[in-house]
Amino acid sequence: GDWFKLYFTENYGMAFGMQFGGEWGKLSLSIFRILAIMAIGVYLYLITRKKNTSTGLIVSISMIMAGALGNIIDSAFYGLLFTQSSYHTVAEFAKAGEGYAGFLHGRVVDMLYFPIINLQQSELPAWIPDFLVGYDGRFVFFRPIFNLADSSITIGVFWLLLFERKHLSL
């Protein structure tokens, strides 16, 4: 079936499209991301200096940092490099100074979509609650659209929580 699709969407904020309002909200989010990347970098540096640090811990923290860095690079430069896109238009490379947003105010591009289960409401068993059905009248398991950086963060966090909790220390 159609369990995987490339689906272009621009994310204004954080995971699942959550966002802080306005220009200051976007700038605050971008600055927070940069500070978080710096903190993760310092932590990564410190744990790599310790003897007997788990390779899994280093790899999982590195994956989280790489994903966060990828998203901040996208957010920092996408608005400078591309024109505004909409439902009817595709973003194009912008001439210098003609991007749709300034530095740190761009969107993050998401494109990976895995609608593993995609059923019309009439096809669902009666015990499935109505609130699980989307605005389009469909139950879709796994509805979020994400990118490779998000995948890196997610895999890193799950690896950390499942296999490396005993090694976490500040």
N, C-alpha and C. Protein backbone atom coordinates (compact mmCIF):
# COMPACT_ATOMS: atom_id res chain seq x y z
N GLY A 1 0.80 -1.19 0.00
CA GLY A 1 0.00 0.00 0.00
C GLY A 1 0.85 1.26 0.00
N ASP A 2 0.20 2.35 0.26
CA ASP A 2 0.85 3.66 0.32
C ASP A 2 1.28 3.98 1.75
N TRP A 3 2.22 3.22 2.28
CA TRP A 3 2.64 3.40 3.67
C TRP A 3 3.76 4.42 3.81
N PHE A 4 4.34 4.90 2.70
CA PHE A 4 5.37 5.93 2.75
C PHE A 4 5.18 6.91 1.60
N LYS A 5 5.26 8.20 1.92
CA LYS A 5 5.13 9.24 0.89
C LYS A 5 6.12 10.36 1.19
N LEU A 6 6.65 10.97 0.13
CA LEU A 6 7.38 12.22 0.28
C LEU A 6 6.34 13.33 0.16
N TYR A 7 6.23 14.15 1.17
CA TYR A 7 5.17 15.14 1.26
C TYR A 7 5.79 16.45 1.75
N PHE A 8 5.96 17.40 0.86
CA PHE A 8 6.62 18.66 1.20
C PHE A 8 5.73 19.52 2.09
N THR A 9 6.26 19.90 3.23
CA THR A 9 5.56 20.84 4.09
C THR A 9 6.60 21.67 4.83
N GLU A 10 6.23 22.88 5.16
CA GLU A 10 7.13 23.76 5.90
C GLU A 10 6.59 23.92 7.32
N ASN A 11 7.45 23.67 8.28
CA ASN A 11 7.09 23.72 9.69
C ASN A 11 7.55 25.07 10.25
N TYR A 12 6.63 25.84 10.77
CA TYR A 12 6.94 27.17 11.30
C TYR A 12 7.60 27.12 12.67
N GLY A 13 7.40 26.04 13.39
CA GLY A 13 7.85 26.03 14.78
C GLY A 13 8.61 24.78 15.16
N MET A 14 8.01 24.04 16.08
CA MET A 14 8.65 22.88 16.69
C MET A 14 7.97 21.60 16.21
N ALA A 15 8.17 20.55 16.97
CA ALA A 15 7.55 19.27 16.65
C ALA A 15 6.04 19.41 16.56
N PHE A 16 5.45 18.71 15.62
CA PHE A 16 4.01 18.68 15.40
C PHE A 16 3.42 20.06 15.10
N GLY A 17 4.25 20.97 14.60
CA GLY A 17 3.79 22.29 14.21
C GLY A 17 3.51 23.25 15.36
N MET A 18 3.85 22.86 16.60
CA MET A 18 3.67 23.78 17.73
C MET A 18 4.61 24.97 17.52
N GLN A 19 4.19 26.14 18.00
CA GLN A 19 5.04 27.31 17.82
C GLN A 19 4.76 28.36 18.88
N PHE A 20 5.76 29.21 19.10
CA PHE A 20 5.57 30.41 19.90
C PHE A 20 5.10 31.47 18.93
N GLY A 21 4.21 32.33 19.35
CA GLY A 21 3.63 33.30 18.43
C GLY A 21 4.56 34.43 18.03
N GLY A 22 4.41 34.90 16.82
CA GLY A 22 5.06 36.11 16.33
C GLY A 22 6.54 36.00 16.07
N GLU A 23 7.11 37.15 15.69
CA GLU A 23 8.54 37.22 15.36
C GLU A 23 9.41 36.93 16.58
N TRP A 24 9.03 37.48 17.74
CA TRP A 24 9.82 37.25 18.94
C TRP A 24 9.76 35.79 19.37
N GLY A 25 8.63 35.16 19.17
CA GLY A 25 8.51 33.74 19.48
C GLY A 25 9.44 32.90 18.63
N LYS A 26 9.49 33.19 17.34
CA LYS A 26 10.37 32.46 16.42
C LYS A 26 11.83 32.71 16.78
N LEU A 27 12.18 33.97 17.07
CA LEU A 27 13.56 34.29 17.45
C LEU A 27 13.93 33.61 18.76
N SER A 28 13.02 33.61 19.73
CA SER A 28 13.27 32.94 21.02
C SER A 28 13.51 31.45 20.82
N LEU A 29 12.69 30.83 19.98
CA LEU A 29 12.86 29.41 19.69
C LEU A 29 14.22 29.14 19.05
N SER A 30 14.61 29.97 18.10
CA SER A 30 15.89 29.80 17.42
C SER A 30 17.06 29.96 18.39
N ILE A 31 16.98 30.97 19.25
CA ILE A 31 18.05 31.18 20.24
C ILE A 31 18.10 30.02 21.22
N PHE A 32 16.94 29.55 21.66
CA PHE A 32 16.91 28.38 22.55
C PHE A 32 17.57 27.18 21.88
N ARG A 33 17.27 26.95 20.60
CA ARG A 33 17.87 25.83 19.88
C ARG A 33 19.39 25.95 19.84
N ILE A 34 19.88 27.15 19.58
CA ILE A 34 21.33 27.36 19.52
C ILE A 34 21.96 27.10 20.89
N LEU A 35 21.35 27.60 21.95
CA LEU A 35 21.87 27.36 23.31
C LEU A 35 21.82 25.88 23.66
N ALA A 36 20.75 25.20 23.26
CA ALA A 36 20.65 23.76 23.52
C ALA A 36 21.75 22.99 22.79
N ILE A 37 22.01 23.37 21.54
CA ILE A 37 23.08 22.71 20.78
C ILE A 37 24.43 22.94 21.45
N MET A 38 24.66 24.15 21.93
CA MET A 38 25.92 24.44 22.61
C MET A 38 26.04 23.61 23.89
N ALA A 39 24.96 23.50 24.66
CA ALA A 39 24.99 22.71 25.89
C ALA A 39 25.22 21.23 25.58
N ILE A 40 24.56 20.73 24.56
CA ILE A 40 24.77 19.33 24.16
C ILE A 40 26.21 19.13 23.71
N GLY A 41 26.76 20.10 22.98
CA GLY A 41 28.15 20.02 22.54
C GLY A 41 29.13 19.96 23.70
N VAL A 42 28.90 20.79 24.72
CA VAL A 42 29.76 20.78 25.91
C VAL A 42 29.64 19.43 26.62
N TYR A 43 28.41 18.95 26.77
CA TYR A 43 28.19 17.65 27.42
C TYR A 43 28.89 16.54 26.63
N LEU A 44 28.76 16.57 25.32
CA LEU A 44 29.41 15.57 24.47
C LEU A 44 30.92 15.62 24.63
N TYR A 45 31.47 16.82 24.66
CA TYR A 45 32.91 16.98 24.86
C TYR A 45 33.34 16.37 26.20
N LEU A 46 32.59 16.67 27.25
CA LEU A 46 32.94 16.18 28.59
C LEU A 46 32.87 14.66 28.68
N ILE A 47 31.83 14.05 28.11
CA ILE A 47 31.72 12.59 28.23
C ILE A 47 32.73 11.86 27.37
N THR A 48 33.18 12.47 26.28
CA THR A 48 34.19 11.81 25.45
C THR A 48 35.56 11.86 26.11
N ARG A 49 35.75 12.73 27.09
CA ARG A 49 37.02 12.83 27.81
C ARG A 49 37.11 11.81 28.94
N LYS A 50 35.97 11.28 29.35
CA LYS A 50 35.96 10.29 30.44
C LYS A 50 36.36 8.92 29.90
N LYS A 51 37.08 8.17 30.71
CA LYS A 51 37.40 6.79 30.33
C LYS A 51 36.15 5.94 30.48
N ASN A 52 36.06 4.94 29.66
CA ASN A 52 34.97 3.96 29.72
C ASN A 52 33.59 4.55 29.44
N THR A 53 33.52 5.66 28.72
CA THR A 53 32.21 6.18 28.32
C THR A 53 31.63 5.25 27.27
N SER A 54 30.40 4.90 27.43
CA SER A 54 29.71 4.01 26.51
C SER A 54 29.67 4.61 25.10
N THR A 55 30.04 3.80 24.12
CA THR A 55 29.96 4.24 22.72
C THR A 55 28.52 4.56 22.36
N GLY A 56 27.57 3.78 22.87
CA GLY A 56 26.16 4.03 22.61
C GLY A 56 25.72 5.39 23.12
N LEU A 57 26.24 5.79 24.28
CA LEU A 57 25.91 7.10 24.84
C LEU A 57 26.44 8.21 23.93
N ILE A 58 27.68 8.07 23.49
CA ILE A 58 28.28 9.07 22.61
C ILE A 58 27.51 9.16 21.29
N VAL A 59 27.17 8.01 20.72
CA VAL A 59 26.44 8.00 19.45
C VAL A 59 25.05 8.60 19.61
N SER A 60 24.33 8.24 20.68
CA SER A 60 22.97 8.76 20.85
C SER A 60 22.98 10.27 21.09
N ILE A 61 23.89 10.77 21.90
CA ILE A 61 23.99 12.22 22.13
C ILE A 61 24.39 12.92 20.83
N SER A 62 25.29 12.31 20.06
CA SER A 62 25.71 12.88 18.77
C SER A 62 24.55 12.95 17.79
N MET A 63 23.70 11.92 17.80
CA MET A 63 22.53 11.93 16.91
C MET A 63 21.56 13.05 17.28
N ILE A 64 21.36 13.25 18.57
CA ILE A 64 20.48 14.33 19.03
C ILE A 64 21.06 15.68 18.61
N MET A 65 22.36 15.85 18.81
CA MET A 65 23.00 17.11 18.46
C MET A 65 22.97 17.34 16.95
N ALA A 66 23.24 16.30 16.17
CA ALA A 66 23.24 16.44 14.71
C ALA A 66 21.85 16.81 14.20
N GLY A 67 20.82 16.19 14.74
CA GLY A 67 19.46 16.52 14.33
C GLY A 67 19.08 17.94 14.70
N ALA A 68 19.44 18.35 15.91
CA ALA A 68 19.14 19.72 16.35
C ALA A 68 19.89 20.73 15.47
N LEU A 69 21.14 20.42 15.15
CA LEU A 69 21.93 21.31 14.30
C LEU A 69 21.33 21.39 12.89
N GLY A 70 20.89 20.27 12.37
CA GLY A 70 20.25 20.27 11.05
C GLY A 70 19.01 21.13 11.02
N ASN A 71 18.19 21.04 12.05
CA ASN A 71 16.97 21.85 12.10
C ASN A 71 17.28 23.34 12.26
N ILE A 72 18.29 23.69 13.06
CA ILE A 72 18.60 25.12 13.22
C ILE A 72 19.22 25.68 11.95
N ILE A 73 20.01 24.89 11.24
CA ILE A 73 20.57 25.35 9.96
C ILE A 73 19.43 25.61 8.97
N ASP A 74 18.49 24.69 8.92
CA ASP A 74 17.32 24.85 8.04
C ASP A 74 16.56 26.13 8.40
N SER A 75 16.28 26.30 9.68
CA SER A 75 15.54 27.46 10.15
C SER A 75 16.30 28.77 9.93
N ALA A 76 17.61 28.73 10.09
CA ALA A 76 18.43 29.94 9.97
C ALA A 76 18.53 30.42 8.54
N PHE A 77 18.65 29.49 7.58
CA PHE A 77 18.98 29.89 6.22
C PHE A 77 17.88 29.69 5.18
N TYR A 78 16.90 28.85 5.45
CA TYR A 78 15.88 28.55 4.44
C TYR A 78 15.13 29.82 4.02
N GLY A 79 14.80 30.66 4.98
CA GLY A 79 14.08 31.90 4.67
C GLY A 79 14.91 32.89 3.88
N LEU A 80 16.23 32.83 4.02
CA LEU A 80 17.11 33.71 3.26
C LEU A 80 17.28 33.25 1.82
N LEU A 81 17.22 31.93 1.62
CA LEU A 81 17.56 31.35 0.32
C LEU A 81 16.37 31.11 -0.60
N PHE A 82 15.16 31.05 -0.05
CA PHE A 82 14.00 30.68 -0.86
C PHE A 82 12.91 31.74 -0.80
N THR A 83 12.04 31.71 -1.83
CA THR A 83 10.87 32.58 -1.87
C THR A 83 9.75 31.94 -1.07
N GLN A 84 8.74 32.72 -0.79
CA GLN A 84 7.55 32.24 -0.08
C GLN A 84 6.87 31.14 -0.90
N SER A 85 6.42 30.11 -0.25
CA SER A 85 5.64 29.08 -0.94
C SER A 85 4.24 29.06 -0.34
N SER A 86 3.32 28.50 -1.07
CA SER A 86 1.95 28.38 -0.58
C SER A 86 1.39 27.06 -1.09
N TYR A 87 0.12 26.87 -0.86
CA TYR A 87 -0.53 25.65 -1.34
C TYR A 87 -0.45 25.55 -2.86
N HIS A 88 -0.44 26.70 -3.53
CA HIS A 88 -0.47 26.72 -5.00
C HIS A 88 0.88 27.03 -5.64
N THR A 89 1.88 27.43 -4.86
CA THR A 89 3.18 27.78 -5.43
C THR A 89 4.29 27.02 -4.75
N VAL A 90 5.36 26.80 -5.49
CA VAL A 90 6.53 26.11 -4.97
C VAL A 90 7.60 27.14 -4.65
N ALA A 91 8.31 26.95 -3.55
CA ALA A 91 9.41 27.84 -3.22
C ALA A 91 10.50 27.71 -4.28
N GLU A 92 11.11 28.82 -4.61
CA GLU A 92 12.20 28.85 -5.57
C GLU A 92 13.38 29.56 -4.94
N PHE A 93 14.59 29.33 -5.51
CA PHE A 93 15.74 30.06 -5.01
C PHE A 93 15.50 31.55 -5.19
N ALA A 94 15.75 32.31 -4.14
CA ALA A 94 15.54 33.76 -4.18
C ALA A 94 16.83 34.46 -4.58
N LYS A 95 16.69 35.62 -5.17
CA LYS A 95 17.85 36.47 -5.42
C LYS A 95 18.34 36.97 -4.07
N ALA A 96 19.60 37.37 -4.01
CA ALA A 96 20.20 37.85 -2.76
C ALA A 96 19.32 38.93 -2.13
N GLY A 97 18.97 38.74 -0.87
CA GLY A 97 18.17 39.71 -0.14
C GLY A 97 16.68 39.65 -0.40
N GLU A 98 16.21 38.67 -1.19
CA GLU A 98 14.79 38.59 -1.52
C GLU A 98 14.11 37.34 -0.97
N GLY A 99 14.72 36.70 0.01
CA GLY A 99 14.10 35.54 0.64
C GLY A 99 12.86 35.96 1.41
N TYR A 100 12.07 34.99 1.82
CA TYR A 100 10.80 35.31 2.50
C TYR A 100 10.98 35.67 3.96
N ALA A 101 12.16 35.36 4.56
CA ALA A 101 12.35 35.64 5.99
C ALA A 101 13.82 35.93 6.26
N GLY A 102 14.06 36.60 7.37
CA GLY A 102 15.41 36.93 7.77
C GLY A 102 16.11 35.77 8.47
N PHE A 103 17.35 36.00 8.83
CA PHE A 103 18.18 35.02 9.53
C PHE A 103 17.48 34.58 10.82
N LEU A 104 17.43 33.29 11.03
CA LEU A 104 16.80 32.63 12.19
C LEU A 104 15.28 32.68 12.18
N HIS A 105 14.66 33.19 11.13
CA HIS A 105 13.21 33.29 11.07
C HIS A 105 12.59 32.38 10.00
N GLY A 106 13.39 31.52 9.40
CA GLY A 106 12.88 30.64 8.35
C GLY A 106 12.15 29.44 8.92
N ARG A 107 11.58 28.68 8.03
CA ARG A 107 10.87 27.46 8.41
C ARG A 107 11.78 26.26 8.24
N VAL A 108 11.37 25.16 8.82
CA VAL A 108 12.07 23.89 8.64
C VAL A 108 11.25 23.05 7.67
N VAL A 109 11.91 22.46 6.70
CA VAL A 109 11.20 21.64 5.71
C VAL A 109 11.06 20.22 6.25
N ASP A 110 9.85 19.72 6.24
CA ASP A 110 9.55 18.34 6.60
C ASP A 110 9.04 17.64 5.36
N MET A 111 9.36 16.34 5.22
CA MET A 111 8.97 15.67 3.99
C MET A 111 8.67 14.17 4.13
N LEU A 112 9.00 13.56 5.23
CA LEU A 112 8.80 12.12 5.38
C LEU A 112 7.44 11.85 6.03
N TYR A 113 6.63 11.07 5.35
CA TYR A 113 5.26 10.81 5.81
C TYR A 113 5.01 9.31 5.73
N PHE A 114 4.63 8.72 6.86
CA PHE A 114 4.39 7.28 6.95
C PHE A 114 2.97 7.00 7.41
N PRO A 115 1.97 7.14 6.54
CA PRO A 115 0.59 6.81 6.93
C PRO A 115 0.40 5.29 6.92
N ILE A 116 0.96 4.61 7.92
CA ILE A 116 1.02 3.15 7.95
C ILE A 116 -0.37 2.53 7.91
N ILE A 117 -1.28 3.07 8.70
CA ILE A 117 -2.68 2.65 8.65
C ILE A 117 -3.48 3.88 8.24
N ASN A 118 -4.28 3.75 7.19
CA ASN A 118 -5.02 4.89 6.67
C ASN A 118 -6.41 4.40 6.27
N LEU A 119 -7.37 4.59 7.19
CA LEU A 119 -8.71 4.05 6.98
C LEU A 119 -9.77 5.13 7.07
N GLN A 120 -10.80 5.00 6.24
CA GLN A 120 -11.98 5.86 6.31
C GLN A 120 -12.72 5.53 7.60
N GLN A 121 -13.39 6.49 8.20
CA GLN A 121 -14.08 6.27 9.47
C GLN A 121 -15.05 5.10 9.38
N SER A 122 -15.72 4.92 8.25
CA SER A 122 -16.68 3.82 8.09
C SER A 122 -16.00 2.45 8.09
N GLU A 123 -14.70 2.40 7.88
CA GLU A 123 -13.96 1.13 7.86
C GLU A 123 -13.44 0.74 9.24
N LEU A 124 -13.59 1.62 10.21
CA LEU A 124 -13.02 1.38 11.54
C LEU A 124 -13.93 0.52 12.39
N PRO A 125 -13.35 -0.27 13.30
CA PRO A 125 -14.18 -0.99 14.28
C PRO A 125 -14.90 0.01 15.17
N ALA A 126 -16.04 -0.38 15.70
CA ALA A 126 -16.87 0.51 16.51
C ALA A 126 -16.17 0.98 17.78
N TRP A 127 -15.20 0.22 18.28
CA TRP A 127 -14.55 0.57 19.53
C TRP A 127 -13.49 1.68 19.39
N ILE A 128 -13.16 2.08 18.16
CA ILE A 128 -12.19 3.17 17.96
C ILE A 128 -12.90 4.49 18.26
N PRO A 129 -12.40 5.28 19.22
CA PRO A 129 -13.07 6.54 19.57
C PRO A 129 -13.00 7.57 18.43
N ASP A 130 -14.03 8.39 18.34
CA ASP A 130 -14.14 9.39 17.27
C ASP A 130 -13.00 10.41 17.28
N PHE A 131 -12.44 10.72 18.47
CA PHE A 131 -11.41 11.75 18.51
C PHE A 131 -10.12 11.31 17.81
N LEU A 132 -9.99 10.03 17.50
CA LEU A 132 -8.82 9.55 16.76
C LEU A 132 -8.96 9.74 15.25
N VAL A 133 -10.15 10.13 14.82
CA VAL A 133 -10.40 10.36 13.40
C VAL A 133 -10.08 11.82 13.11
N GLY A 134 -9.32 12.06 12.05
CA GLY A 134 -8.90 13.41 11.69
C GLY A 134 -10.00 14.24 11.07
N TYR A 135 -9.69 15.49 10.82
CA TYR A 135 -10.63 16.42 10.18
C TYR A 135 -11.08 15.94 8.81
N ASP A 136 -10.28 15.07 8.19
CA ASP A 136 -10.58 14.56 6.85
C ASP A 136 -11.44 13.29 6.88
N GLY A 137 -11.89 12.89 8.09
CA GLY A 137 -12.73 11.70 8.21
C GLY A 137 -11.96 10.40 8.14
N ARG A 138 -10.65 10.48 8.34
CA ARG A 138 -9.81 9.29 8.24
C ARG A 138 -9.05 9.07 9.54
N PHE A 139 -8.83 7.81 9.87
CA PHE A 139 -7.94 7.43 10.95
C PHE A 139 -6.60 7.10 10.30
N VAL A 140 -5.58 7.87 10.65
CA VAL A 140 -4.25 7.65 10.08
C VAL A 140 -3.29 7.41 11.23
N PHE A 141 -2.66 6.25 11.21
CA PHE A 141 -1.57 5.98 12.14
C PHE A 141 -0.32 5.95 11.30
N PHE A 142 0.33 6.78 11.35
CA PHE A 142 1.24 7.73 11.87
C PHE A 142 1.11 8.98 11.02
N ARG A 143 0.42 9.99 11.53
CA ARG A 143 0.09 11.19 10.77
C ARG A 143 1.20 12.24 10.69
N PRO A 144 2.11 12.36 11.66
CA PRO A 144 3.12 13.43 11.58
C PRO A 144 4.01 13.34 10.33
N ILE A 145 4.39 14.51 9.83
CA ILE A 145 5.34 14.62 8.73
C ILE A 145 6.61 15.19 9.34
N PHE A 146 7.75 14.59 9.03
CA PHE A 146 8.99 14.97 9.69
C PHE A 146 10.15 14.92 8.70
N ASN A 147 11.35 15.22 9.17
CA ASN A 147 12.52 15.21 8.30
C ASN A 147 13.62 14.32 8.88
N LEU A 148 14.73 14.24 8.20
CA LEU A 148 15.83 13.38 8.63
C LEU A 148 16.41 13.85 9.96
N ALA A 149 16.48 15.16 10.17
CA ALA A 149 16.98 15.69 11.43
C ALA A 149 16.08 15.26 12.59
N ASP A 150 14.77 15.33 12.40
CA ASP A 150 13.82 14.87 13.42
C ASP A 150 14.03 13.39 13.72
N SER A 151 14.27 12.61 12.67
CA SER A 151 14.52 11.18 12.84
C SER A 151 15.76 10.94 13.67
N SER A 152 16.81 11.71 13.41
CA SER A 152 18.05 11.58 14.15
C SER A 152 17.83 11.89 15.63
N ILE A 153 17.10 12.95 15.91
CA ILE A 153 16.80 13.31 17.30
C ILE A 153 15.98 12.21 17.97
N THR A 154 14.95 11.74 17.30
CA THR A 154 14.07 10.72 17.87
C THR A 154 14.81 9.42 18.15
N ILE A 155 15.59 8.96 17.20
CA ILE A 155 16.36 7.72 17.39
C ILE A 155 17.36 7.90 18.53
N GLY A 156 18.03 9.05 18.57
CA GLY A 156 18.99 9.32 19.64
C GLY A 156 18.33 9.32 21.01
N VAL A 157 17.17 9.96 21.12
CA VAL A 157 16.46 10.02 22.41
C VAL A 157 15.99 8.62 22.82
N PHE A 158 15.39 7.87 21.89
CA PHE A 158 14.94 6.52 22.23
C PHE A 158 16.10 5.63 22.64
N TRP A 159 17.21 5.70 21.91
CA TRP A 159 18.39 4.90 22.26
C TRP A 159 18.87 5.27 23.66
N LEU A 160 18.90 6.56 23.93
CA LEU A 160 19.34 7.05 25.24
C LEU A 160 18.43 6.53 26.35
N LEU A 161 17.12 6.63 26.15
CA LEU A 161 16.18 6.21 27.18
C LEU A 161 16.13 4.69 27.35
N LEU A 162 16.28 3.96 26.26
CA LEU A 162 16.18 2.50 26.34
C LEU A 162 17.46 1.83 26.80
N PHE A 163 18.61 2.33 26.35
CA PHE A 163 19.85 1.59 26.56
C PHE A 163 20.94 2.33 27.33
N GLU A 164 20.83 3.63 27.50
CA GLU A 164 21.94 4.39 28.07
C GLU A 164 21.60 5.16 29.33
N ARG A 165 20.44 4.96 29.90
CA ARG A 165 20.05 5.72 31.09
C ARG A 165 21.04 5.55 32.23
N LYS A 166 21.59 4.36 32.36
CA LYS A 166 22.51 4.11 33.47
C LYS A 166 23.80 4.90 33.35
N HIS A 167 24.11 5.37 32.12
CA HIS A 167 25.35 6.11 31.89
C HIS A 167 25.17 7.62 31.98
N LEU A 168 23.94 8.08 32.08
CA LEU A 168 23.71 9.52 32.11
C LEU A 168 24.11 10.11 33.45
N SER A 169 24.96 11.10 33.40
CA SER A 169 25.34 11.84 34.59
C SER A 169 25.91 13.18 34.15
N LEU A 170 25.79 14.16 34.99
CA LEU A 170 26.31 15.49 34.65
C LEU A 170 27.59 15.76 35.34
